[in-house]
Amino acid sequence: MSSDKFETVAKLWMNSDTWTLDDAIRLIGQKLPNCFSKLETETDEQEEKALSILRELVKNNLNGTLTSYPPIPGESDNTIRINPFEFLEWLEDIEPGQIPAVLILAKAEHEQKRKGTARKDRPETIHRHRVAALAELFWREEPSLTKVEMSQKPELTDIGCHGKTYKPTTIQKWIKESNPNREPGRRP
């Protein structure tokens, strides 16, 4: 098997939510997953024995250190599925240096892609949180201020909203939870 083919398959497999236990063991042994096994040449008997030992070790750690997942539709009932990231971390803990470099790189690339697609707060959400925090700070210093007076403080929009202006009622909604005196009616 060429290293390019293995690298391509490793990257593809890292995008999976779960792996079958057999595929995980094969990948650690730098072999293609079962669905690609026709493409491989014969295997070394000693290598197969080492992978068999690792397979048993994984089975002994299922639902303890490692989480097992149910088979997907179409798989046999005794198929064991595991989380690839959890498996690789577990393997690195028990046998450092055992994971092929290609899998480590594929895992790092996958994690980097996921970080880049993380949901980001909209500017309005960030402004709302900052304004509420500033209002809470100002109310500690001046607890007698009303919600309307607080919403008119220029620091809220200058610092909390980076200069963007919002309607006074919007600012008042954002800061109402920070108000230390939320009794109904007008405050003196």
C-alpha atoms as a PDB file:
ATOM      1  CA  MET A   1       0.000   0.000   0.000  1.00  0.00           C
ATOM      2  CA  SER A   2       1.320   3.424  -0.851  1.00  0.00           C
ATOM      3  CA  SER A   3       1.737   5.982   1.890  1.00  0.00           C
ATOM      4  CA  ASP A   4      -0.303   8.501  -0.174  1.00  0.00           C
ATOM      5  CA  LYS A   5      -3.268   6.135  -0.221  1.00  0.00           C
ATOM      6  CA  PHE A   6      -2.997   5.523   3.530  1.00  0.00           C
ATOM      7  CA  GLU A   7      -2.722   9.273   4.210  1.00  0.00           C
ATOM      8  CA  THR A   8      -5.835   9.980   2.117  1.00  0.00           C
ATOM      9  CA  VAL A   9      -7.817   7.268   3.885  1.00  0.00           C
ATOM     10  CA  ALA A  10      -6.579   8.412   7.320  1.00  0.00           C
ATOM     11  CA  LYS A  11      -7.786  11.966   6.632  1.00  0.00           C
ATOM     12  CA  LEU A  12     -11.122  10.626   5.424  1.00  0.00           C
ATOM     13  CA  TRP A  13     -11.520   8.361   8.468  1.00  0.00           C
ATOM     14  CA  MET A  14     -10.699  11.232  10.898  1.00  0.00           C
ATOM     15  CA  ASN A  15     -13.900  12.932   9.741  1.00  0.00           C
ATOM     16  CA  SER A  16     -15.959  10.005  11.051  1.00  0.00           C
ATOM     17  CA  ASP A  17     -17.812  10.284  14.344  1.00  0.00           C
ATOM     18  CA  THR A  18     -17.019   6.671  15.207  1.00  0.00           C
ATOM     19  CA  TRP A  19     -14.810   3.870  13.879  1.00  0.00           C
ATOM     20  CA  THR A  20     -15.355   0.171  14.136  1.00  0.00           C
ATOM     21  CA  LEU A  21     -12.890  -1.371  16.539  1.00  0.00           C
ATOM     22  CA  ASP A  22     -11.402  -3.437  13.713  1.00  0.00           C
ATOM     23  CA  ASP A  23     -10.847  -0.357  11.539  1.00  0.00           C
ATOM     24  CA  ALA A  24      -9.220   1.475  14.447  1.00  0.00           C
ATOM     25  CA  ILE A  25      -6.829  -1.407  15.049  1.00  0.00           C
ATOM     26  CA  ARG A  26      -6.031  -1.696  11.327  1.00  0.00           C
ATOM     27  CA  LEU A  27      -5.317   2.048  11.079  1.00  0.00           C
ATOM     28  CA  ILE A  28      -2.948   1.898  14.045  1.00  0.00           C
ATOM     29  CA  GLY A  29      -1.159  -0.949  12.263  1.00  0.00           C
ATOM     30  CA  GLN A  30      -0.961   1.329   9.193  1.00  0.00           C
ATOM     31  CA  LYS A  31      -3.395  -0.854   7.303  1.00  0.00           C
ATOM     32  CA  LEU A  32      -6.444   0.324   5.392  1.00  0.00           C
ATOM     33  CA  PRO A  33      -9.890  -0.113   7.003  1.00  0.00           C
ATOM     34  CA  ASN A  34     -11.794  -3.334   6.226  1.00  0.00           C
ATOM     35  CA  CYS A  35     -13.739  -1.862   3.320  1.00  0.00           C
ATOM     36  CA  PHE A  36     -10.394  -1.275   1.533  1.00  0.00           C
ATOM     37  CA  SER A  37      -8.810  -4.587   2.536  1.00  0.00           C
ATOM     38  CA  LYS A  38      -9.025  -5.959  -1.036  1.00  0.00           C
ATOM     39  CA  LEU A  39      -6.446  -3.357  -2.050  1.00  0.00           C
ATOM     40  CA  GLU A  40      -3.854  -4.636   0.409  1.00  0.00           C
ATOM     41  CA  THR A  41      -1.324  -7.335  -0.073  1.00  0.00           C
ATOM     42  CA  GLU A  42      -0.701 -10.126   2.426  1.00  0.00           C
ATOM     43  CA  THR A  43      -0.084  -9.313   6.078  1.00  0.00           C
ATOM     44  CA  ASP A  44       2.740 -10.347   8.360  1.00  0.00           C
ATOM     45  CA  GLU A  45       1.696 -12.988  10.926  1.00  0.00           C
ATOM     46  CA  GLN A  46       3.622 -11.318  13.760  1.00  0.00           C
ATOM     47  CA  GLU A  47       2.055  -7.965  12.909  1.00  0.00           C
ATOM     48  CA  GLU A  48      -1.404  -9.550  12.952  1.00  0.00           C
ATOM     49  CA  LYS A  49      -0.682 -11.049  16.395  1.00  0.00           C
ATOM     50  CA  ALA A  50       0.331  -7.620  17.786  1.00  0.00           C
ATOM     51  CA  LEU A  51      -2.870  -6.087  16.413  1.00  0.00           C
ATOM     52  CA  SER A  52      -4.884  -8.926  17.934  1.00  0.00           C
ATOM     53  CA  ILE A  53      -3.363  -8.174  21.361  1.00  0.00           C
ATOM     54  CA  LEU A  54      -4.218  -4.486  20.963  1.00  0.00           C
ATOM     55  CA  ARG A  55      -7.789  -5.436  19.960  1.00  0.00           C
ATOM     56  CA  GLU A  56      -8.204  -7.446  23.181  1.00  0.00           C
ATOM     57  CA  LEU A  57      -6.731  -4.629  25.254  1.00  0.00           C
ATOM     58  CA  VAL A  58      -9.252  -2.189  23.760  1.00  0.00           C
ATOM     59  CA  LYS A  59     -12.134  -4.587  24.455  1.00  0.00           C
ATOM     60  CA  ASN A  60     -11.016  -4.800  28.085  1.00  0.00           C
ATOM     61  CA  ASN A  61     -11.233  -1.013  28.393  1.00  0.00           C
ATOM     62  CA  LEU A  62     -14.645  -0.548  26.766  1.00  0.00           C
ATOM     63  CA  ASN A  63     -17.201   1.324  28.858  1.00  0.00           C
ATOM     64  CA  GLY A  64     -14.476   2.112  31.352  1.00  0.00           C
ATOM     65  CA  THR A  65     -11.762   4.214  29.826  1.00  0.00           C
ATOM     66  CA  LEU A  66     -13.194   3.991  26.314  1.00  0.00           C
ATOM     67  CA  THR A  67     -16.815   4.541  25.328  1.00  0.00           C
ATOM     68  CA  SER A  68     -18.422   2.068  22.942  1.00  0.00           C
ATOM     69  CA  TYR A  69     -21.168   3.094  20.545  1.00  0.00           C
ATOM     70  CA  PRO A  70     -23.918   0.969  18.991  1.00  0.00           C
ATOM     71  CA  PRO A  71     -23.438  -0.413  15.485  1.00  0.00           C
ATOM     72  CA  ILE A  72     -24.823   1.654  12.626  1.00  0.00           C
ATOM     73  CA  PRO A  73     -27.686   0.169  10.565  1.00  0.00           C
ATOM     74  CA  GLY A  74     -26.454  -2.615   8.329  1.00  0.00           C
ATOM     75  CA  GLU A  75     -23.619  -3.712  10.645  1.00  0.00           C
ATOM     76  CA  SER A  76     -23.722  -6.893  12.660  1.00  0.00           C
ATOM     77  CA  ASP A  77     -24.969  -6.593  16.253  1.00  0.00           C
ATOM     78  CA  ASN A  78     -21.572  -7.508  17.695  1.00  0.00           C
ATOM     79  CA  THR A  79     -19.753  -4.692  15.855  1.00  0.00           C
ATOM     80  CA  ILE A  80     -17.994  -2.406  18.331  1.00  0.00           C
ATOM     81  CA  ARG A  81     -17.719   1.283  17.428  1.00  0.00           C
ATOM     82  CA  ILE A  82     -15.457   3.776  19.226  1.00  0.00           C
ATOM     83  CA  ASN A  83     -14.754   7.507  19.053  1.00  0.00           C
ATOM     84  CA  PRO A  84     -11.546   8.027  17.053  1.00  0.00           C
ATOM     85  CA  PHE A  85     -10.278  10.956  19.146  1.00  0.00           C
ATOM     86  CA  GLU A  86     -10.931   9.167  22.430  1.00  0.00           C
ATOM     87  CA  PHE A  87      -9.244   6.053  21.054  1.00  0.00           C
ATOM     88  CA  LEU A  88      -6.125   7.909  19.903  1.00  0.00           C
ATOM     89  CA  GLU A  89      -5.817   9.745  23.254  1.00  0.00           C
ATOM     90  CA  TRP A  90      -6.246   6.461  25.132  1.00  0.00           C
ATOM     91  CA  LEU A  91      -3.632   4.746  22.990  1.00  0.00           C
ATOM     92  CA  GLU A  92      -1.159   7.615  23.449  1.00  0.00           C
ATOM     93  CA  ASP A  93      -1.635   7.337  27.227  1.00  0.00           C
ATOM     94  CA  ILE A  94      -0.983   3.615  27.415  1.00  0.00           C
ATOM     95  CA  GLU A  95       1.606   3.279  24.644  1.00  0.00           C
ATOM     96  CA  PRO A  96       3.218   6.590  23.630  1.00  0.00           C
ATOM     97  CA  GLY A  97       4.627   6.701  20.129  1.00  0.00           C
ATOM     98  CA  GLN A  98       2.399   3.896  18.839  1.00  0.00           C
ATOM     99  CA  ILE A  99       0.158   6.123  16.706  1.00  0.00           C
ATOM    100  CA  PRO A 100       1.302   6.537  13.088  1.00  0.00           C
ATOM    101  CA  ALA A 101       2.365  10.104  12.252  1.00  0.00           C
ATOM    102  CA  VAL A 102      -0.164  10.225   9.418  1.00  0.00           C
ATOM    103  CA  LEU A 103      -3.023   9.737  11.898  1.00  0.00           C
ATOM    104  CA  ILE A 104      -1.621  12.370  14.268  1.00  0.00           C
ATOM    105  CA  LEU A 105      -1.433  14.873  11.415  1.00  0.00           C
ATOM    106  CA  ALA A 106      -4.917  13.968  10.153  1.00  0.00           C
ATOM    107  CA  LYS A 107      -6.290  14.419  13.682  1.00  0.00           C
ATOM    108  CA  ALA A 108      -4.600  17.833  14.028  1.00  0.00           C
ATOM    109  CA  GLU A 109      -5.948  18.963  10.645  1.00  0.00           C
ATOM    110  CA  HIS A 110      -9.454  17.822  11.586  1.00  0.00           C
ATOM    111  CA  GLU A 111      -9.341  19.626  14.940  1.00  0.00           C
ATOM    112  CA  GLN A 112      -8.059  22.799  13.268  1.00  0.00           C
ATOM    113  CA  LYS A 113     -10.921  22.729  10.753  1.00  0.00           C
ATOM    114  CA  ARG A 114     -13.459  22.273  13.548  1.00  0.00           C
ATOM    115  CA  LYS A 115     -12.042  25.229  15.488  1.00  0.00           C
ATOM    116  CA  GLY A 116     -12.352  27.439  12.434  1.00  0.00           C
ATOM    117  CA  THR A 117     -16.029  26.576  12.006  1.00  0.00           C
ATOM    118  CA  ALA A 118     -16.976  27.190  15.627  1.00  0.00           C
ATOM    119  CA  ARG A 119     -19.991  29.424  16.020  1.00  0.00           C
ATOM    120  CA  LYS A 120     -19.013  33.000  16.748  1.00  0.00           C
ATOM    121  CA  ASP A 121     -21.147  35.469  18.660  1.00  0.00           C
ATOM    122  CA  ARG A 122     -22.619  38.280  16.639  1.00  0.00           C
ATOM    123  CA  PRO A 123     -21.372  41.794  17.467  1.00  0.00           C
ATOM    124  CA  GLU A 124     -24.752  42.640  19.057  1.00  0.00           C
ATOM    125  CA  THR A 125     -24.415  39.703  21.438  1.00  0.00           C
ATOM    126  CA  ILE A 126     -20.909  40.747  22.422  1.00  0.00           C
ATOM    127  CA  HIS A 127     -22.100  44.339  22.930  1.00  0.00           C
ATOM    128  CA  ARG A 128     -25.029  43.161  25.092  1.00  0.00           C
ATOM    129  CA  HIS A 129     -22.735  41.195  27.410  1.00  0.00           C
ATOM    130  CA  ARG A 130     -20.197  43.999  27.656  1.00  0.00           C
ATOM    131  CA  VAL A 131     -22.857  46.639  28.373  1.00  0.00           C
ATOM    132  CA  ALA A 132     -24.429  44.471  31.079  1.00  0.00           C
ATOM    133  CA  ALA A 133     -21.024  43.937  32.720  1.00  0.00           C
ATOM    134  CA  LEU A 134     -20.236  47.665  32.620  1.00  0.00           C
ATOM    135  CA  ALA A 135     -23.652  48.548  34.053  1.00  0.00           C
ATOM    136  CA  GLU A 136     -23.104  46.097  36.891  1.00  0.00           C
ATOM    137  CA  LEU A 137     -19.738  47.707  37.612  1.00  0.00           C
ATOM    138  CA  PHE A 138     -21.189  51.247  37.560  1.00  0.00           C
ATOM    139  CA  TRP A 139     -24.111  50.217  39.787  1.00  0.00           C
ATOM    140  CA  ARG A 140     -21.673  48.957  42.400  1.00  0.00           C
ATOM    141  CA  GLU A 141     -20.230  52.465  42.529  1.00  0.00           C
ATOM    142  CA  GLU A 142     -23.592  54.281  42.287  1.00  0.00           C
ATOM    143  CA  PRO A 143     -26.461  51.963  43.341  1.00  0.00           C
ATOM    144  CA  SER A 144     -28.967  54.839  43.368  1.00  0.00           C
ATOM    145  CA  LEU A 145     -28.913  55.271  39.555  1.00  0.00           C
ATOM    146  CA  THR A 146     -32.097  54.322  37.741  1.00  0.00           C
ATOM    147  CA  LYS A 147     -32.155  52.066  34.708  1.00  0.00           C
ATOM    148  CA  VAL A 148     -32.847  55.084  32.448  1.00  0.00           C
ATOM    149  CA  GLU A 149     -29.968  57.087  33.947  1.00  0.00           C
ATOM    150  CA  MET A 150     -27.627  54.136  33.593  1.00  0.00           C
ATOM    151  CA  SER A 151     -28.632  53.586  29.950  1.00  0.00           C
ATOM    152  CA  GLN A 152     -27.655  57.192  29.187  1.00  0.00           C
ATOM    153  CA  LYS A 153     -24.080  56.823  30.437  1.00  0.00           C
ATOM    154  CA  PRO A 154     -21.819  57.414  27.432  1.00  0.00           C
ATOM    155  CA  GLU A 155     -19.330  54.797  28.678  1.00  0.00           C
ATOM    156  CA  LEU A 156     -21.824  52.026  27.935  1.00  0.00           C
ATOM    157  CA  THR A 157     -21.876  52.770  24.221  1.00  0.00           C
ATOM    158  CA  ASP A 158     -18.288  54.031  23.947  1.00  0.00           C
ATOM    159  CA  ILE A 159     -16.687  51.057  25.684  1.00  0.00           C
ATOM    160  CA  GLY A 160     -19.348  48.347  25.627  1.00  0.00           C
ATOM    161  CA  CYS A 161     -20.527  48.865  22.052  1.00  0.00           C
ATOM    162  CA  HIS A 162     -17.308  50.171  20.510  1.00  0.00           C
ATOM    163  CA  GLY A 163     -19.088  53.418  19.686  1.00  0.00           C
ATOM    164  CA  LYS A 164     -22.086  51.831  17.937  1.00  0.00           C
ATOM    165  CA  THR A 165     -25.342  53.417  19.064  1.00  0.00           C
ATOM    166  CA  TYR A 166     -28.442  51.493  20.033  1.00  0.00           C
ATOM    167  CA  LYS A 167     -31.906  52.693  21.027  1.00  0.00           C
ATOM    168  CA  PRO A 168     -32.158  53.618  24.721  1.00  0.00           C
ATOM    169  CA  THR A 169     -34.833  50.937  25.189  1.00  0.00           C
ATOM    170  CA  THR A 170     -32.433  48.298  23.813  1.00  0.00           C
ATOM    171  CA  ILE A 171     -29.710  49.330  26.286  1.00  0.00           C
ATOM    172  CA  GLN A 172     -32.301  49.313  29.095  1.00  0.00           C
ATOM    173  CA  LYS A 173     -33.326  45.727  28.223  1.00  0.00           C
ATOM    174  CA  TRP A 174     -29.707  44.660  28.263  1.00  0.00           C
ATOM    175  CA  ILE A 175     -28.976  46.158  31.694  1.00  0.00           C
ATOM    176  CA  LYS A 176     -32.203  45.425  33.567  1.00  0.00           C
ATOM    177  CA  GLU A 177     -30.854  42.157  35.013  1.00  0.00           C
ATOM    178  CA  SER A 178     -27.753  43.961  36.320  1.00  0.00           C
ATOM    179  CA  ASN A 179     -29.837  46.511  38.241  1.00  0.00           C
ATOM    180  CA  PRO A 180     -29.356  45.930  41.993  1.00  0.00           C
ATOM    181  CA  ASN A 181     -32.732  47.544  42.798  1.00  0.00           C
ATOM    182  CA  ARG A 182     -35.410  45.851  40.717  1.00  0.00           C
ATOM    183  CA  GLU A 183     -38.369  46.835  42.871  1.00  0.00           C
ATOM    184  CA  PRO A 184     -41.438  47.899  40.891  1.00  0.00           C
ATOM    185  CA  GLY A 185     -42.248  51.581  40.671  1.00  0.00           C
ATOM    186  CA  ARG A 186     -40.102  54.681  40.495  1.00  0.00           C
ATOM    187  CA  ARG A 187     -37.072  54.816  42.745  1.00  0.00           C
ATOM    188  CA  PRO A 188     -36.314  58.007  44.681  1.00  0.00           C
END
